[in-house]
Amino acid sequence: MMATNGKEAHGLQDDVSVSSNGSCESSRSHIAAVNGAAMGTPCHSKLQNGGATSPQRFTFSPEPTMEDIRRMQAEFTDERDWNKFHQPRNLLLAMVGEVGEVAELFQWRGEVAEGLPDWSESEREQLAHELSDVLIYLVELAEKCRVDLPQAVLRKMALNRLKYPASKVHGSAKKYTEYKD
């Protein structure tokens, strides 16, 4: 189990409260965890001229880290003697099943607004559970395949920057093979 000071273990930080619907309340109290994720910065920031506010980009809690998640799942699996079942193929198929459960939550809804303003707290919690399942299986699959995900992400982002230079693709959703020099 990872060591925490208690507040981080529950996704709580100081300064701003965030309600489950994404609205913000300024205070020196704790930030409320929204389905296990907390806003790392205040919800709104003042412009330099003191005018209107603009929403900040969502951020994940700093803990648990990817390594913490890998370790927690490895301990969970070891305690149950499930490693014989948790081989790469099985983990991949389980993850695909969980992705299907995420897709089911979005099915028949049409476009869904960022922040899910029209979703109930129960629907948000179910989504958090299913996305967590996907992440847990992904991390365990990467462990079994000996892929260092954080480093792989850095390499992949560098490749994506080469394939999709902002000056060439800004505002377009075309595949990199469709761009002309």
C-alpha atoms as a PDB file:
ATOM      1  CA  MET A   1       0.000   0.000   0.000  1.00  0.00           C
ATOM      2  CA  MET A   2       1.264   3.469  -0.762  1.00  0.00           C
ATOM      3  CA  ALA A   3       1.936   5.984   1.969  1.00  0.00           C
ATOM      4  CA  THR A   4      -0.136   9.152   1.948  1.00  0.00           C
ATOM      5  CA  ASN A   5      -0.949  11.909   4.363  1.00  0.00           C
ATOM      6  CA  GLY A   6      -4.660  11.128   4.222  1.00  0.00           C
ATOM      7  CA  LYS A   7      -5.892  14.050   2.128  1.00  0.00           C
ATOM      8  CA  GLU A   8      -4.176  12.832  -1.037  1.00  0.00           C
ATOM      9  CA  ALA A   9      -5.529   9.329  -0.460  1.00  0.00           C
ATOM     10  CA  HIS A  10      -9.027  10.687  -0.826  1.00  0.00           C
ATOM     11  CA  GLY A  11      -8.260  13.089  -3.696  1.00  0.00           C
ATOM     12  CA  LEU A  12      -8.597  16.165  -1.517  1.00  0.00           C
ATOM     13  CA  GLN A  13      -6.629  19.396  -1.766  1.00  0.00           C
ATOM     14  CA  ASP A  14      -6.972  22.874  -0.324  1.00  0.00           C
ATOM     15  CA  ASP A  15      -8.436  26.071  -1.838  1.00  0.00           C
ATOM     16  CA  VAL A  16     -11.502  25.270  -3.968  1.00  0.00           C
ATOM     17  CA  SER A  17     -14.486  22.942  -3.745  1.00  0.00           C
ATOM     18  CA  VAL A  18     -15.812  21.250  -6.845  1.00  0.00           C
ATOM     19  CA  SER A  19     -19.308  19.867  -6.844  1.00  0.00           C
ATOM     20  CA  SER A  20     -20.212  16.697  -8.690  1.00  0.00           C
ATOM     21  CA  ASN A  21     -21.764  18.736 -11.498  1.00  0.00           C
ATOM     22  CA  GLY A  22     -18.485  20.521 -12.083  1.00  0.00           C
ATOM     23  CA  SER A  23     -19.462  23.857 -10.545  1.00  0.00           C
ATOM     24  CA  CYS A  24     -16.931  25.554  -8.287  1.00  0.00           C
ATOM     25  CA  GLU A  25     -17.127  27.157  -4.893  1.00  0.00           C
ATOM     26  CA  SER A  26     -14.255  29.297  -3.625  1.00  0.00           C
ATOM     27  CA  SER A  27     -13.207  28.480  -0.102  1.00  0.00           C
ATOM     28  CA  ARG A  28     -10.208  27.525   1.952  1.00  0.00           C
ATOM     29  CA  SER A  29     -11.804  24.113   2.462  1.00  0.00           C
ATOM     30  CA  HIS A  30     -11.056  20.966   0.572  1.00  0.00           C
ATOM     31  CA  ILE A  31     -11.576  20.240  -3.083  1.00  0.00           C
ATOM     32  CA  ALA A  32     -14.140  17.492  -3.528  1.00  0.00           C
ATOM     33  CA  ALA A  33     -13.070  14.447  -5.442  1.00  0.00           C
ATOM     34  CA  VAL A  34     -15.150  14.064  -8.575  1.00  0.00           C
ATOM     35  CA  ASN A  35     -15.383  10.334  -9.241  1.00  0.00           C
ATOM     36  CA  GLY A  36     -11.918   9.778  -7.889  1.00  0.00           C
ATOM     37  CA  ALA A  37     -10.290  12.686  -9.729  1.00  0.00           C
ATOM     38  CA  ALA A  38      -9.722  16.117  -8.301  1.00  0.00           C
ATOM     39  CA  MET A  39      -9.221  19.437  -9.952  1.00  0.00           C
ATOM     40  CA  GLY A  40      -5.621  20.402  -9.328  1.00  0.00           C
ATOM     41  CA  THR A  41      -6.161  24.119  -9.830  1.00  0.00           C
ATOM     42  CA  PRO A  42      -8.992  26.500  -9.074  1.00  0.00           C
ATOM     43  CA  CYS A  43     -11.945  26.154 -11.424  1.00  0.00           C
ATOM     44  CA  HIS A  44     -11.762  29.716 -12.699  1.00  0.00           C
ATOM     45  CA  SER A  45      -8.912  32.142 -13.083  1.00  0.00           C
ATOM     46  CA  LYS A  46      -9.188  35.916 -13.263  1.00  0.00           C
ATOM     47  CA  LEU A  47      -7.884  37.609 -16.356  1.00  0.00           C
ATOM     48  CA  GLN A  48      -5.062  40.070 -15.766  1.00  0.00           C
ATOM     49  CA  ASN A  49      -7.349  43.040 -16.330  1.00  0.00           C
ATOM     50  CA  GLY A  50      -9.696  41.782 -13.615  1.00  0.00           C
ATOM     51  CA  GLY A  51     -12.438  40.966 -16.104  1.00  0.00           C
ATOM     52  CA  ALA A  52     -14.327  37.762 -16.739  1.00  0.00           C
ATOM     53  CA  THR A  53     -13.173  34.361 -15.634  1.00  0.00           C
ATOM     54  CA  SER A  54     -12.357  31.408 -17.845  1.00  0.00           C
ATOM     55  CA  PRO A  55     -12.462  27.718 -16.940  1.00  0.00           C
ATOM     56  CA  GLN A  56      -9.174  25.952 -16.274  1.00  0.00           C
ATOM     57  CA  ARG A  57      -8.245  22.697 -17.974  1.00  0.00           C
ATOM     58  CA  PHE A  58      -9.131  19.585 -15.975  1.00  0.00           C
ATOM     59  CA  THR A  59      -6.199  17.899 -14.238  1.00  0.00           C
ATOM     60  CA  PHE A  60      -5.773  14.526 -12.582  1.00  0.00           C
ATOM     61  CA  SER A  61      -4.791  14.102  -8.966  1.00  0.00           C
ATOM     62  CA  PRO A  62      -1.041  13.637  -8.553  1.00  0.00           C
ATOM     63  CA  GLU A  63      -1.583  10.344  -6.721  1.00  0.00           C
ATOM     64  CA  PRO A  64      -1.736   7.490  -7.243  1.00  0.00           C
ATOM     65  CA  THR A  65       1.015   7.387  -9.846  1.00  0.00           C
ATOM     66  CA  MET A  66       1.052   4.902 -12.711  1.00  0.00           C
ATOM     67  CA  GLU A  67       3.581   2.873 -10.704  1.00  0.00           C
ATOM     68  CA  ASP A  68       1.317   2.986  -7.636  1.00  0.00           C
ATOM     69  CA  ILE A  69      -1.560   1.631  -9.755  1.00  0.00           C
ATOM     70  CA  ARG A  70       0.688  -1.121 -11.159  1.00  0.00           C
ATOM     71  CA  ARG A  71       1.835  -2.073  -7.670  1.00  0.00           C
ATOM     72  CA  MET A  72      -1.694  -2.066  -6.177  1.00  0.00           C
ATOM     73  CA  GLN A  73      -2.998  -4.292  -8.965  1.00  0.00           C
ATOM     74  CA  ALA A  74      -0.002  -6.640  -8.720  1.00  0.00           C
ATOM     75  CA  GLU A  75      -0.614  -7.029  -4.978  1.00  0.00           C
ATOM     76  CA  PHE A  76      -4.341  -7.557  -5.564  1.00  0.00           C
ATOM     77  CA  THR A  77      -3.629 -10.237  -8.181  1.00  0.00           C
ATOM     78  CA  ASP A  78      -0.923 -11.936  -6.073  1.00  0.00           C
ATOM     79  CA  GLU A  79      -3.176 -12.083  -2.992  1.00  0.00           C
ATOM     80  CA  ARG A  80      -5.770 -13.992  -5.026  1.00  0.00           C
ATOM     81  CA  ASP A  81      -3.342 -16.216  -6.945  1.00  0.00           C
ATOM     82  CA  TRP A  82      -4.740 -14.880 -10.228  1.00  0.00           C
ATOM     83  CA  ASN A  83      -1.475 -14.513 -12.157  1.00  0.00           C
ATOM     84  CA  LYS A  84      -2.168 -17.798 -13.938  1.00  0.00           C
ATOM     85  CA  PHE A  85      -5.276 -16.106 -15.407  1.00  0.00           C
ATOM     86  CA  HIS A  86      -3.712 -12.683 -15.979  1.00  0.00           C
ATOM     87  CA  GLN A  87      -1.622 -13.399 -19.035  1.00  0.00           C
ATOM     88  CA  PRO A  88      -1.380 -10.854 -21.882  1.00  0.00           C
ATOM     89  CA  ARG A  89      -4.103 -12.316 -24.105  1.00  0.00           C
ATOM     90  CA  ASN A  90      -6.569 -12.642 -21.233  1.00  0.00           C
ATOM     91  CA  LEU A  91      -5.820  -9.118 -19.976  1.00  0.00           C
ATOM     92  CA  LEU A  92      -6.324  -7.701 -23.469  1.00  0.00           C
ATOM     93  CA  LEU A  93      -9.669  -9.442 -23.864  1.00  0.00           C
ATOM     94  CA  ALA A  94     -10.768  -8.306 -20.396  1.00  0.00           C
ATOM     95  CA  MET A  95      -9.759  -4.723 -21.241  1.00  0.00           C
ATOM     96  CA  VAL A  96     -11.700  -4.834 -24.509  1.00  0.00           C
ATOM     97  CA  GLY A  97     -14.738  -6.031 -22.560  1.00  0.00           C
ATOM     98  CA  GLU A  98     -14.386  -3.084 -20.178  1.00  0.00           C
ATOM     99  CA  VAL A  99     -14.053  -0.662 -23.111  1.00  0.00           C
ATOM    100  CA  GLY A 100     -17.329  -2.120 -24.348  1.00  0.00           C
ATOM    101  CA  GLU A 101     -18.907  -1.308 -20.982  1.00  0.00           C
ATOM    102  CA  VAL A 102     -17.667   2.293 -21.304  1.00  0.00           C
ATOM    103  CA  ALA A 103     -19.128   2.457 -24.816  1.00  0.00           C
ATOM    104  CA  GLU A 104     -22.449   1.133 -23.524  1.00  0.00           C
ATOM    105  CA  LEU A 105     -22.707   4.116 -21.161  1.00  0.00           C
ATOM    106  CA  PHE A 106     -22.407   6.493 -24.130  1.00  0.00           C
ATOM    107  CA  GLN A 107     -24.593   4.461 -26.491  1.00  0.00           C
ATOM    108  CA  TRP A 108     -27.734   6.203 -27.786  1.00  0.00           C
ATOM    109  CA  ARG A 109     -26.889   9.529 -26.148  1.00  0.00           C
ATOM    110  CA  GLY A 110     -25.799  11.402 -29.257  1.00  0.00           C
ATOM    111  CA  GLU A 111     -23.101  13.985 -28.658  1.00  0.00           C
ATOM    112  CA  VAL A 112     -22.070  14.300 -25.030  1.00  0.00           C
ATOM    113  CA  ALA A 113     -20.801  17.648 -23.738  1.00  0.00           C
ATOM    114  CA  GLU A 114     -17.418  17.869 -22.049  1.00  0.00           C
ATOM    115  CA  GLY A 115     -17.778  17.534 -18.301  1.00  0.00           C
ATOM    116  CA  LEU A 116     -20.964  15.452 -18.746  1.00  0.00           C
ATOM    117  CA  PRO A 117     -23.311  18.178 -17.456  1.00  0.00           C
ATOM    118  CA  ASP A 118     -26.438  16.154 -18.300  1.00  0.00           C
ATOM    119  CA  TRP A 119     -25.302  12.987 -16.519  1.00  0.00           C
ATOM    120  CA  SER A 120     -26.565  11.959 -13.089  1.00  0.00           C
ATOM    121  CA  GLU A 121     -24.133  11.352 -10.243  1.00  0.00           C
ATOM    122  CA  SER A 122     -24.895   7.635 -10.535  1.00  0.00           C
ATOM    123  CA  GLU A 123     -24.020   7.658 -14.259  1.00  0.00           C
ATOM    124  CA  ARG A 124     -20.788   9.540 -13.559  1.00  0.00           C
ATOM    125  CA  GLU A 125     -19.836   7.052 -10.855  1.00  0.00           C
ATOM    126  CA  GLN A 126     -20.523   4.119 -13.180  1.00  0.00           C
ATOM    127  CA  LEU A 127     -18.321   5.744 -15.836  1.00  0.00           C
ATOM    128  CA  ALA A 128     -15.561   6.237 -13.250  1.00  0.00           C
ATOM    129  CA  HIS A 129     -15.746   2.534 -12.354  1.00  0.00           C
ATOM    130  CA  GLU A 130     -15.590   1.378 -15.968  1.00  0.00           C
ATOM    131  CA  LEU A 131     -12.765   3.757 -16.940  1.00  0.00           C
ATOM    132  CA  SER A 132     -10.858   2.576 -13.867  1.00  0.00           C
ATOM    133  CA  ASP A 133     -11.284  -1.027 -14.987  1.00  0.00           C
ATOM    134  CA  VAL A 134      -9.892  -0.122 -18.419  1.00  0.00           C
ATOM    135  CA  LEU A 135      -6.900   1.650 -16.886  1.00  0.00           C
ATOM    136  CA  ILE A 136      -6.181  -1.164 -14.432  1.00  0.00           C
ATOM    137  CA  TYR A 137      -6.197  -3.761 -17.208  1.00  0.00           C
ATOM    138  CA  LEU A 138      -4.090  -1.510 -19.457  1.00  0.00           C
ATOM    139  CA  VAL A 139      -1.465  -1.015 -16.750  1.00  0.00           C
ATOM    140  CA  GLU A 140      -1.377  -4.726 -15.938  1.00  0.00           C
ATOM    141  CA  LEU A 141      -1.135  -5.633 -19.633  1.00  0.00           C
ATOM    142  CA  ALA A 142       1.764  -3.202 -20.031  1.00  0.00           C
ATOM    143  CA  GLU A 143       3.447  -4.778 -16.981  1.00  0.00           C
ATOM    144  CA  LYS A 144       3.073  -8.306 -18.367  1.00  0.00           C
ATOM    145  CA  CYS A 145       4.400  -7.156 -21.762  1.00  0.00           C
ATOM    146  CA  ARG A 146       7.230  -5.187 -20.108  1.00  0.00           C
ATOM    147  CA  VAL A 147       6.167  -1.869 -21.629  1.00  0.00           C
ATOM    148  CA  ASP A 148       7.111   1.158 -19.525  1.00  0.00           C
ATOM    149  CA  LEU A 149       3.958   3.165 -20.270  1.00  0.00           C
ATOM    150  CA  PRO A 150       5.143   6.607 -19.111  1.00  0.00           C
ATOM    151  CA  GLN A 151       8.269   6.332 -21.267  1.00  0.00           C
ATOM    152  CA  ALA A 152       6.292   4.865 -24.170  1.00  0.00           C
ATOM    153  CA  VAL A 153       3.920   7.858 -23.979  1.00  0.00           C
ATOM    154  CA  LEU A 154       6.844  10.275 -24.171  1.00  0.00           C
ATOM    155  CA  ARG A 155       8.217   8.497 -27.263  1.00  0.00           C
ATOM    156  CA  LYS A 156       4.769   8.326 -28.877  1.00  0.00           C
ATOM    157  CA  MET A 157       4.062  12.023 -28.256  1.00  0.00           C
ATOM    158  CA  ALA A 158       7.397  12.900 -29.901  1.00  0.00           C
ATOM    159  CA  LEU A 159       6.386  10.823 -32.947  1.00  0.00           C
ATOM    160  CA  ASN A 160       2.936  12.434 -33.021  1.00  0.00           C
ATOM    161  CA  ARG A 161       4.520  15.908 -33.009  1.00  0.00           C
ATOM    162  CA  LEU A 162       6.544  14.918 -36.074  1.00  0.00           C
ATOM    163  CA  LYS A 163       3.534  13.420 -37.883  1.00  0.00           C
ATOM    164  CA  TYR A 164       1.183  16.242 -36.940  1.00  0.00           C
ATOM    165  CA  PRO A 165       3.073  19.561 -36.786  1.00  0.00           C
ATOM    166  CA  ALA A 166       0.748  22.207 -35.349  1.00  0.00           C
ATOM    167  CA  SER A 167       1.598  24.641 -38.149  1.00  0.00           C
ATOM    168  CA  LYS A 168       0.357  22.151 -40.732  1.00  0.00           C
ATOM    169  CA  VAL A 169      -2.625  20.495 -39.056  1.00  0.00           C
ATOM    170  CA  HIS A 170      -4.101  23.237 -36.878  1.00  0.00           C
ATOM    171  CA  GLY A 171      -7.893  22.893 -36.817  1.00  0.00           C
ATOM    172  CA  SER A 172      -7.993  19.823 -39.092  1.00  0.00           C
ATOM    173  CA  ALA A 173      -8.828  16.216 -38.229  1.00  0.00           C
ATOM    174  CA  LYS A 174      -7.234  14.634 -41.311  1.00  0.00           C
ATOM    175  CA  LYS A 175      -4.887  11.682 -40.941  1.00  0.00           C
ATOM    176  CA  TYR A 176      -1.194  12.560 -41.264  1.00  0.00           C
ATOM    177  CA  THR A 177      -0.968  10.727 -44.619  1.00  0.00           C
ATOM    178  CA  GLU A 178      -3.490  13.186 -46.115  1.00  0.00           C
ATOM    179  CA  TYR A 179      -1.369  16.311 -45.530  1.00  0.00           C
ATOM    180  CA  LYS A 180       0.703  17.691 -48.365  1.00  0.00           C
ATOM    181  CA  ASP A 181       4.013  19.502 -47.850  1.00  0.00           C
END
